[in-house]
Structure formats: structure tokens, C-alpha cells
PDB file of N, CA and C in Angstrom:
ATOM      1  N   MET A   1      19.533 -41.153 -29.294  1.00  0.00           N
ATOM      2  CA  MET A   1      19.422 -39.714 -29.233  1.00  0.00           C
ATOM      3  C   MET A   1      17.962 -39.278 -29.251  1.00  0.00           C
ATOM      4  N   ARG A   2      17.127 -39.952 -30.009  1.00  0.00           N
ATOM      5  CA  ARG A   2      15.722 -39.565 -30.090  1.00  0.00           C
ATOM      6  C   ARG A   2      14.982 -39.840 -28.791  1.00  0.00           C
ATOM      7  N   LEU A   3      15.295 -40.920 -28.128  1.00  0.00           N
ATOM      8  CA  LEU A   3      14.576 -41.288 -26.913  1.00  0.00           C
ATOM      9  C   LEU A   3      14.740 -40.254 -25.799  1.00  0.00           C
ATOM     10  N   PRO A   4      15.954 -39.748 -25.510  1.00  0.00           N
ATOM     11  CA  PRO A   4      16.069 -38.725 -24.464  1.00  0.00           C
ATOM     12  C   PRO A   4      15.328 -37.429 -24.815  1.00  0.00           C
ATOM     13  N   ILE A   5      15.369 -37.016 -26.060  1.00  0.00           N
ATOM     14  CA  ILE A   5      14.680 -35.795 -26.468  1.00  0.00           C
ATOM     15  C   ILE A   5      13.168 -35.989 -26.377  1.00  0.00           C
ATOM     16  N   LEU A   6      12.689 -37.139 -26.821  1.00  0.00           N
ATOM     17  CA  LEU A   6      11.263 -37.444 -26.748  1.00  0.00           C
ATOM     18  C   LEU A   6      10.795 -37.500 -25.298  1.00  0.00           C
ATOM     19  N   SER A   7      11.590 -38.101 -24.442  1.00  0.00           N
ATOM     20  CA  SER A   7      11.194 -38.183 -23.032  1.00  0.00           C
ATOM     21  C   SER A   7      11.175 -36.799 -22.384  1.00  0.00           C
ATOM     22  N   LEU A   8      12.079 -35.887 -22.788  1.00  0.00           N
ATOM     23  CA  LEU A   8      12.053 -34.524 -22.265  1.00  0.00           C
ATOM     24  C   LEU A   8      10.781 -33.801 -22.681  1.00  0.00           C
ATOM     25  N   PHE A   9      10.340 -33.989 -23.916  1.00  0.00           N
ATOM     26  CA  PHE A   9       9.102 -33.375 -24.375  1.00  0.00           C
ATOM     27  C   PHE A   9       7.892 -33.931 -23.628  1.00  0.00           C
ATOM     28  N   VAL A  10       7.887 -35.214 -23.356  1.00  0.00           N
ATOM     29  CA  VAL A  10       6.772 -35.835 -22.630  1.00  0.00           C
ATOM     30  C   VAL A  10       6.728 -35.291 -21.198  1.00  0.00           C
ATOM     31  N   ILE A  11       7.875 -35.179 -20.558  1.00  0.00           N
ATOM     32  CA  ILE A  11       7.929 -34.643 -19.195  1.00  0.00           C
ATOM     33  C   ILE A  11       7.489 -33.183 -19.173  1.00  0.00           C
ATOM     34  N   ALA A  12       7.958 -32.406 -20.133  1.00  0.00           N
ATOM     35  CA  ALA A  12       7.573 -30.997 -20.201  1.00  0.00           C
ATOM     36  C   ALA A  12       6.070 -30.852 -20.422  1.00  0.00           C
ATOM     37  N   ALA A  13       5.497 -31.671 -21.281  1.00  0.00           N
ATOM     38  CA  ALA A  13       4.056 -31.613 -21.537  1.00  0.00           C
ATOM     39  C   ALA A  13       3.263 -31.986 -20.290  1.00  0.00           C
ATOM     40  N   ALA A  14       3.750 -32.964 -19.547  1.00  0.00           N
ATOM     41  CA  ALA A  14       3.066 -33.359 -18.315  1.00  0.00           C
ATOM     42  C   ALA A  14       3.118 -32.242 -17.274  1.00  0.00           C
ATOM     43  N   LEU A  15       4.249 -31.567 -17.180  1.00  0.00           N
ATOM     44  CA  LEU A  15       4.371 -30.462 -16.220  1.00  0.00           C
ATOM     45  C   LEU A  15       3.505 -29.284 -16.612  1.00  0.00           C
ATOM     46  N   VAL A  16       3.445 -28.970 -17.875  1.00  0.00           N
ATOM     47  CA  VAL A  16       2.611 -27.863 -18.339  1.00  0.00           C
ATOM     48  C   VAL A  16       1.140 -28.178 -18.091  1.00  0.00           C
ATOM     49  N   GLY A  17       0.763 -29.416 -18.250  1.00  0.00           N
ATOM     50  CA  GLY A  17      -0.617 -29.827 -18.005  1.00  0.00           C
ATOM     51  C   GLY A  17      -1.012 -29.715 -16.549  1.00  0.00           C
ATOM     52  N   GLU A  18      -0.065 -29.759 -15.644  1.00  0.00           N
ATOM     53  CA  GLU A  18      -0.345 -29.682 -14.216  1.00  0.00           C
ATOM     54  C   GLU A  18      -0.404 -28.257 -13.684  1.00  0.00           C
ATOM     55  N   ILE A  19       0.039 -27.290 -14.450  1.00  0.00           N
ATOM     56  CA  ILE A  19       0.057 -25.901 -13.993  1.00  0.00           C
ATOM     57  C   ILE A  19      -1.372 -25.374 -13.952  1.00  0.00           C
ATOM     58  N   GLN A  20      -1.755 -24.798 -12.805  1.00  0.00           N
ATOM     59  CA  GLN A  20      -3.086 -24.224 -12.668  1.00  0.00           C
ATOM     60  C   GLN A  20      -2.985 -22.720 -12.873  1.00  0.00           C
ATOM     61  N   THR A  21      -3.997 -22.173 -13.520  1.00  0.00           N
ATOM     62  CA  THR A  21      -3.985 -20.734 -13.759  1.00  0.00           C
ATOM     63  C   THR A  21      -4.302 -19.991 -12.479  1.00  0.00           C
ATOM     64  N   ALA A  22      -3.668 -18.868 -12.297  1.00  0.00           N
ATOM     65  CA  ALA A  22      -3.889 -18.052 -11.111  1.00  0.00           C
ATOM     66  C   ALA A  22      -5.115 -17.174 -11.318  1.00  0.00           C
ATOM     67  N   SER A  23      -5.853 -16.948 -10.254  1.00  0.00           N
ATOM     68  CA  SER A  23      -7.036 -16.109 -10.315  1.00  0.00           C
ATOM     69  C   SER A  23      -6.673 -14.686  -9.917  1.00  0.00           C
ATOM     70  N   ALA A  24      -7.257 -13.716 -10.609  1.00  0.00           N
ATOM     71  CA  ALA A  24      -7.025 -12.325 -10.263  1.00  0.00           C
ATOM     72  C   ALA A  24      -7.887 -11.904  -9.086  1.00  0.00           C
ATOM     73  N   GLN A  25      -8.800 -12.745  -8.687  1.00  0.00           N
ATOM     74  CA  GLN A  25      -9.696 -12.461  -7.575  1.00  0.00           C
ATOM     75  C   GLN A  25      -8.943 -12.518  -6.260  1.00  0.00           C
ATOM     76  N   SER A  26      -9.328 -11.653  -5.367  1.00  0.00           N
ATOM     77  CA  SER A  26      -8.767 -11.657  -4.021  1.00  0.00           C
ATOM     78  C   SER A  26      -9.183 -12.944  -3.319  1.00  0.00           C
ATOM     79  N   PRO A  27      -8.345 -13.480  -2.433  1.00  0.00           N
ATOM     80  CA  PRO A  27      -8.754 -14.678  -1.705  1.00  0.00           C
ATOM     81  C   PRO A  27      -9.948 -14.417  -0.785  1.00  0.00           C
ATOM     82  N   THR A  28     -10.153 -13.161  -0.442  1.00  0.00           N
ATOM     83  CA  THR A  28     -11.309 -12.781   0.354  1.00  0.00           C
ATOM     84  C   THR A  28     -12.314 -12.112  -0.570  1.00  0.00           C
ATOM     85  N   SER A  29     -13.534 -12.565  -0.505  1.00  0.00           N
ATOM     86  CA  SER A  29     -14.580 -12.030  -1.354  1.00  0.00           C
ATOM     87  C   SER A  29     -15.379 -10.987  -0.561  1.00  0.00           C
ATOM     88  N   TYR A  30     -15.545  -9.802  -1.122  1.00  0.00           N
ATOM     89  CA  TYR A  30     -16.242  -8.708  -0.443  1.00  0.00           C
ATOM     90  C   TYR A  30     -17.589  -8.449  -1.110  1.00  0.00           C
ATOM     91  N   PRO A  31     -18.623  -8.131  -0.313  1.00  0.00           N
ATOM     92  CA  PRO A  31     -19.966  -7.987  -0.878  1.00  0.00           C
ATOM     93  C   PRO A  31     -20.268  -6.669  -1.578  1.00  0.00           C
ATOM     94  N   TRP A  32     -19.431  -5.631  -1.401  1.00  0.00           N
ATOM     95  CA  TRP A  32     -19.741  -4.325  -1.980  1.00  0.00           C
ATOM     96  C   TRP A  32     -18.596  -3.791  -2.826  1.00  0.00           C
ATOM     97  N   CYS A  33     -18.949  -3.134  -3.923  1.00  0.00           N
ATOM     98  CA  CYS A  33     -17.976  -2.517  -4.836  1.00  0.00           C
ATOM     99  C   CYS A  33     -18.258  -1.025  -4.939  1.00  0.00           C
ATOM    100  N   ALA A  34     -17.231  -0.281  -5.333  1.00  0.00           N
ATOM    101  CA  ALA A  34     -17.381   1.153  -5.594  1.00  0.00           C
ATOM    102  C   ALA A  34     -16.834   1.451  -6.977  1.00  0.00           C
ATOM    103  N   ARG A  35     -17.571   2.255  -7.726  1.00  0.00           N
ATOM    104  CA  ARG A  35     -17.104   2.748  -9.015  1.00  0.00           C
ATOM    105  C   ARG A  35     -16.866   4.240  -8.838  1.00  0.00           C
ATOM    106  N   TYR A  36     -15.602   4.633  -9.010  1.00  0.00           N
ATOM    107  CA  TYR A  36     -15.209   6.016  -8.773  1.00  0.00           C
ATOM    108  C   TYR A  36     -15.320   6.830 -10.052  1.00  0.00           C
ATOM    109  N   TYR A  37     -15.706   8.087  -9.917  1.00  0.00           N
ATOM    110  CA  TYR A  37     -15.791   8.985 -11.064  1.00  0.00           C
ATOM    111  C   TYR A  37     -14.531   9.842 -11.091  1.00  0.00           C
ATOM    112  N   VAL A  38     -13.644   9.538 -12.011  1.00  0.00           N
ATOM    113  CA  VAL A  38     -12.407  10.292 -12.178  1.00  0.00           C
ATOM    114  C   VAL A  38     -12.234  10.604 -13.659  1.00  0.00           C
ATOM    115  N   ARG A  39     -11.304  11.475 -13.978  1.00  0.00           N
ATOM    116  CA  ARG A  39     -11.091  11.902 -15.375  1.00  0.00           C
ATOM    117  C   ARG A  39     -10.590  10.779 -16.272  1.00  0.00           C
ATOM    118  N   ASP A  40      -9.784   9.896 -15.716  1.00  0.00           N
ATOM    119  CA  ASP A  40      -9.148   8.860 -16.541  1.00  0.00           C
ATOM    120  C   ASP A  40      -9.986   7.594 -16.657  1.00  0.00           C
ATOM    121  N   GLY A  41     -11.268   7.664 -16.496  1.00  0.00           N
ATOM    122  CA  GLY A  41     -12.110   6.482 -16.590  1.00  0.00           C
ATOM    123  C   GLY A  41     -12.895   6.284 -15.305  1.00  0.00           C
ATOM    124  N   SER A  42     -13.377   5.102 -15.110  1.00  0.00           N
ATOM    125  CA  SER A  42     -14.158   4.774 -13.921  1.00  0.00           C
ATOM    126  C   SER A  42     -13.606   3.502 -13.281  1.00  0.00           C
ATOM    127  N   PRO A  43     -12.561   3.637 -12.472  1.00  0.00           N
ATOM    128  CA  PRO A  43     -12.023   2.434 -11.829  1.00  0.00           C
ATOM    129  C   PRO A  43     -13.012   1.872 -10.813  1.00  0.00           C
ATOM    130  N   THR A  44     -12.951   0.572 -10.619  1.00  0.00           N
ATOM    131  CA  THR A  44     -13.837  -0.117  -9.698  1.00  0.00           C
ATOM    132  C   THR A  44     -13.008  -0.835  -8.644  1.00  0.00           C
ATOM    133  N   GLY A  45     -13.445  -0.770  -7.399  1.00  0.00           N
ATOM    134  CA  GLY A  45     -12.797  -1.499  -6.317  1.00  0.00           C
ATOM    135  C   GLY A  45     -13.841  -2.273  -5.537  1.00  0.00           C
ATOM    136  N   CYS A  46     -13.644  -3.573  -5.407  1.00  0.00           N
ATOM    137  CA  CYS A  46     -14.602  -4.435  -4.695  1.00  0.00           C
ATOM    138  C   CYS A  46     -13.988  -4.928  -3.386  1.00  0.00           C
ATOM    139  N   TYR A  47     -13.748  -3.997  -2.466  1.00  0.00           N
ATOM    140  CA  TYR A  47     -13.078  -4.343  -1.210  1.00  0.00           C
ATOM    141  C   TYR A  47     -13.814  -3.778  -0.006  1.00  0.00           C
ATOM    142  N   PHE A  48     -15.140  -3.784  -0.026  1.00  0.00           N
ATOM    143  CA  PHE A  48     -15.915  -3.197   1.061  1.00  0.00           C
ATOM    144  C   PHE A  48     -16.769  -4.253   1.731  1.00  0.00           C
ATOM    145  N   THR A  49     -16.740  -4.246   3.059  1.00  0.00           N
ATOM    146  CA  THR A  49     -17.508  -5.230   3.817  1.00  0.00           C
ATOM    147  C   THR A  49     -18.945  -4.796   4.064  1.00  0.00           C
ATOM    148  N   SER A  50     -19.221  -3.495   3.933  1.00  0.00           N
ATOM    149  CA  SER A  50     -20.592  -3.025   4.124  1.00  0.00           C
ATOM    150  C   SER A  50     -20.876  -1.854   3.182  1.00  0.00           C
ATOM    151  N   TYR A  51     -22.156  -1.605   2.995  1.00  0.00           N
ATOM    152  CA  TYR A  51     -22.575  -0.492   2.153  1.00  0.00           C
ATOM    153  C   TYR A  51     -22.140   0.837   2.772  1.00  0.00           C
ATOM    154  N   GLU A  52     -22.199   0.917   4.096  1.00  0.00           N
ATOM    155  CA  GLU A  52     -21.835   2.152   4.786  1.00  0.00           C
ATOM    156  C   GLU A  52     -20.358   2.500   4.585  1.00  0.00           C
ATOM    157  N   THR A  53     -19.469   1.523   4.668  1.00  0.00           N
ATOM    158  CA  THR A  53     -18.043   1.809   4.459  1.00  0.00           C
ATOM    159  C   THR A  53     -17.776   2.220   3.017  1.00  0.00           C
ATOM    160  N   CYS A  54     -18.504   1.619   2.101  1.00  0.00           N
ATOM    161  CA  CYS A  54     -18.359   2.001   0.688  1.00  0.00           C
ATOM    162  C   CYS A  54     -18.814   3.448   0.485  1.00  0.00           C
ATOM    163  N   ARG A  55     -19.979   3.809   1.024  1.00  0.00           N
ATOM    164  CA  ARG A  55     -20.501   5.173   0.874  1.00  0.00           C
ATOM    165  C   ARG A  55     -19.566   6.191   1.521  1.00  0.00           C
ATOM    166  N   ALA A  56     -19.000   5.837   2.680  1.00  0.00           N
ATOM    167  CA  ALA A  56     -18.074   6.751   3.347  1.00  0.00           C
ATOM    168  C   ALA A  56     -16.832   6.977   2.497  1.00  0.00           C
ATOM    169  N   THR A  57     -16.400   5.965   1.787  1.00  0.00           N
ATOM    170  CA  THR A  57     -15.206   6.088   0.946  1.00  0.00           C
ATOM    171  C   THR A  57     -15.467   6.975  -0.270  1.00  0.00           C
ATOM    172  N   VAL A  58     -16.603   6.793  -0.929  1.00  0.00           N
ATOM    173  CA  VAL A  58     -16.861   7.555  -2.153  1.00  0.00           C
ATOM    174  C   VAL A  58     -17.417   8.945  -1.877  1.00  0.00           C
ATOM    175  N   SER A  59     -17.842   9.227  -0.651  1.00  0.00           N
ATOM    176  CA  SER A  59     -18.374  10.562  -0.380  1.00  0.00           C
ATOM    177  C   SER A  59     -17.249  11.579  -0.483  1.00  0.00           C
ATOM    178  N   GLY A  60     -17.489  12.638  -1.183  1.00  0.00           N
ATOM    179  CA  GLY A  60     -16.481  13.663  -1.374  1.00  0.00           C
ATOM    180  C   GLY A  60     -15.618  13.438  -2.601  1.00  0.00           C
ATOM    181  N   ILE A  61     -15.425  12.183  -3.005  1.00  0.00           N
ATOM    182  CA  ILE A  61     -14.618  11.887  -4.193  1.00  0.00           C
ATOM    183  C   ILE A  61     -15.531  11.777  -5.404  1.00  0.00           C
ATOM    184  N   GLY A  62     -16.684  11.202  -5.180  1.00  0.00           N
ATOM    185  CA  GLY A  62     -17.625  10.953  -6.258  1.00  0.00           C
ATOM    186  C   GLY A  62     -17.563   9.500  -6.672  1.00  0.00           C
ATOM    187  N   GLY A  63     -18.704   8.898  -6.760  1.00  0.00           N
ATOM    188  CA  GLY A  63     -18.771   7.511  -7.165  1.00  0.00           C
ATOM    189  C   GLY A  63     -20.066   6.889  -6.706  1.00  0.00           C
ATOM    190  N   LEU A  64     -20.222   5.621  -6.962  1.00  0.00           N
ATOM    191  CA  LEU A  64     -21.409   4.922  -6.533  1.00  0.00           C
ATOM    192  C   LEU A  64     -21.030   3.559  -5.997  1.00  0.00           C
ATOM    193  N   CYS A  65     -21.876   3.026  -5.133  1.00  0.00           N
ATOM    194  CA  CYS A  65     -21.654   1.707  -4.539  1.00  0.00           C
ATOM    195  C   CYS A  65     -22.679   0.738  -5.104  1.00  0.00           C
ATOM    196  N   PHE A  66     -22.263  -0.499  -5.307  1.00  0.00           N
ATOM    197  CA  PHE A  66     -23.170  -1.526  -5.800  1.00  0.00           C
ATOM    198  C   PHE A  66     -22.728  -2.880  -5.267  1.00  0.00           C
ATOM    199  N   GLN A  67     -23.659  -3.824  -5.253  1.00  0.00           N
ATOM    200  CA  GLN A  67     -23.341  -5.160  -4.764  1.00  0.00           C
ATOM    201  C   GLN A  67     -22.384  -5.841  -5.736  1.00  0.00           C
ATOM    202  N   SER A  68     -21.415  -6.524  -5.176  1.00  0.00           N
ATOM    203  CA  SER A  68     -20.397  -7.175  -5.986  1.00  0.00           C
ATOM    204  C   SER A  68     -20.966  -8.381  -6.724  1.00  0.00           C
ATOM    205  N   PRO A  69     -20.732  -8.458  -8.036  1.00  0.00           N
ATOM    206  CA  PRO A  69     -21.165  -9.643  -8.772  1.00  0.00           C
ATOM    207  C   PRO A  69     -20.256 -10.838  -8.513  1.00  0.00           C
ATOM    208  N   TYR A  70     -19.128 -10.608  -7.849  1.00  0.00           N
ATOM    209  CA  TYR A  70     -18.149 -11.664  -7.593  1.00  0.00           C
ATOM    210  C   TYR A  70     -18.252 -12.240  -6.192  1.00  0.00           C
ATOM    211  N   TYR A  71     -19.141 -11.688  -5.369  1.00  0.00           N
ATOM    212  CA  TYR A  71     -19.219 -12.089  -3.969  1.00  0.00           C
ATOM    213  C   TYR A  71     -19.808 -13.476  -3.813  1.00  0.00           C
ATOM    214  N   HIS A  72     -19.115 -14.293  -3.047  1.00  0.00           N
ATOM    215  CA  HIS A  72     -19.592 -15.631  -2.691  1.00  0.00           C
ATOM    216  C   HIS A  72     -19.483 -15.743  -1.183  1.00  0.00           C
ATOM    217  N   ALA A  73     -20.621 -15.700  -0.507  1.00  0.00           N
ATOM    218  CA  ALA A  73     -20.621 -15.777   0.952  1.00  0.00           C
ATOM    219  C   ALA A  73     -20.093 -17.134   1.389  1.00  0.00           C
ATOM    220  N   THR A  74     -19.312 -17.113   2.436  1.00  0.00           N
ATOM    221  CA  THR A  74     -18.819 -18.380   2.979  1.00  0.00           C
ATOM    222  C   THR A  74     -19.955 -19.041   3.731  1.00  0.00           C
ATOM    223  N   PRO A  75     -20.084 -20.349   3.601  1.00  0.00           N
ATOM    224  CA  PRO A  75     -21.177 -21.029   4.294  1.00  0.00           C
ATOM    225  C   PRO A  75     -20.996 -20.913   5.803  1.00  0.00           C
ATOM    226  N   ALA A  76     -22.098 -20.680   6.490  1.00  0.00           N
ATOM    227  CA  ALA A  76     -22.037 -20.554   7.945  1.00  0.00           C
ATOM    228  C   ALA A  76     -21.701 -21.913   8.549  1.00  0.00           C
ATOM    229  N   LYS A  77     -20.791 -21.896   9.496  1.00  0.00           N
ATOM    230  CA  LYS A  77     -20.423 -23.139  10.168  1.00  0.00           C
ATOM    231  C   LYS A  77     -21.480 -23.459  11.218  1.00  0.00           C
ATOM    232  N   ALA A  78     -21.775 -24.723  11.344  1.00  0.00           N
ATOM    233  CA  ALA A  78     -22.735 -25.145  12.344  1.00  0.00           C
ATOM    234  C   ALA A  78     -22.147 -24.914  13.729  1.00  0.00           C
ATOM    235  N   ALA A  79     -22.995 -24.479  14.621  1.00  0.00           N
ATOM    236  CA  ALA A  79     -22.531 -24.243  15.989  1.00  0.00           C
ATOM    237  C   ALA A  79     -22.101 -25.564  16.599  1.00  0.00           C
ATOM    238  N   VAL A  80     -20.975 -25.546  17.258  1.00  0.00           N
ATOM    239  CA  VAL A  80     -20.453 -26.759  17.882  1.00  0.00           C
ATOM    240  C   VAL A  80     -21.159 -26.948  19.212  1.00  0.00           C
ATOM    241  N   GLN A  81     -21.797 -28.082  19.348  1.00  0.00           N
ATOM    242  CA  GLN A  81     -22.483 -28.391  20.593  1.00  0.00           C
ATOM    243  C   GLN A  81     -21.475 -28.932  21.596  1.00  0.00           C
ATOM    244  N   PRO A  82     -21.533 -28.451  22.843  1.00  0.00           N
ATOM    245  CA  PRO A  82     -20.608 -28.993  23.847  1.00  0.00           C
ATOM    246  C   PRO A  82     -20.940 -30.452  24.127  1.00  0.00           C
ATOM    247  N   ARG A  83     -19.923 -31.211  24.412  1.00  0.00           N
ATOM    248  CA  ARG A  83     -20.133 -32.631  24.705  1.00  0.00           C
ATOM    249  C   ARG A  83     -20.718 -32.783  26.106  1.00  0.00           C
ATOM    250  N   ARG A  84     -21.643 -33.683  26.214  1.00  0.00           N
ATOM    251  CA  ARG A  84     -22.229 -33.978  27.513  1.00  0.00           C
ATOM    252  C   ARG A  84     -21.624 -35.271  28.032  1.00  0.00           C
ATOM    253  N   HIS A  85     -21.215 -35.226  29.239  1.00  0.00           N
ATOM    254  CA  HIS A  85     -20.624 -36.421  29.859  1.00  0.00           C
ATOM    255  C   HIS A  85     -21.699 -37.145  30.639  1.00  0.00           C
ATOM    256  N   LEU A  86     -21.859 -38.390  30.330  1.00  0.00           N
ATOM    257  CA  LEU A  86     -22.874 -39.210  31.022  1.00  0.00           C
ATOM    258  C   LEU A  86     -22.238 -39.779  32.280  1.00  0.00           C
ATOM    259  N   ARG A  87     -22.946 -39.624  33.340  1.00  0.00           N
ATOM    260  CA  ARG A  87     -22.473 -40.207  34.604  1.00  0.00           C
ATOM    261  C   ARG A  87     -23.294 -41.458  34.888  1.00  0.00           C
ATOM    262  N   GLY A  88     -22.604 -42.494  35.154  1.00  0.00           N
ATOM    263  CA  GLY A  88     -23.341 -43.740  35.291  1.00  0.00           C
ATOM    264  C   GLY A  88     -23.192 -44.453  36.536  1.00  0.00           C
TER     265      GLY A  88
END
């Protein structure tokens, strides 16, 4: 009786150890954030691809734009050189 219960605990512990925590970050990282001025606090949204789009969004509503502290630029891919065929 002890062996099946013990083996269930070992399996459960192994499965729990394999679970990865989920990130609240969007899979796409954006370089600009906006902090809105509203009565219920100052919510922040980091979903802007340019400073101009951020400014256009907060104009009229009130707020400020700033560079995202969470932004990680994707590395630029090297340009693929076309293959040259040698004629012999």
C-alpha cells in the first residue's frame, strides 16, 4: 500500500517540477509605452511601435509616452546572399 502512494507522490513532484511559469509579457515586445492620466489611477500600455503612434493615441485623452523598459529588439537577420552557380 505504501509503494503505490509513494510512487504517486514522486510522479506528482516530477510533474510539478516540469511546469514552467507563464509570462505576463506579450509575445511581441513594443518599444513605446503610454501612461494615461485618468481619475482611477495611471494605467500604462506598452503596445506602440513608434513614438508618433503613441502621441496620437494620448493626444486629447491626456498622458505621456516613454520608451518601454521591457523592449527587447529582435536581432536583425543577416541578408541571404543568392547562390552563385559556377559554370565549368
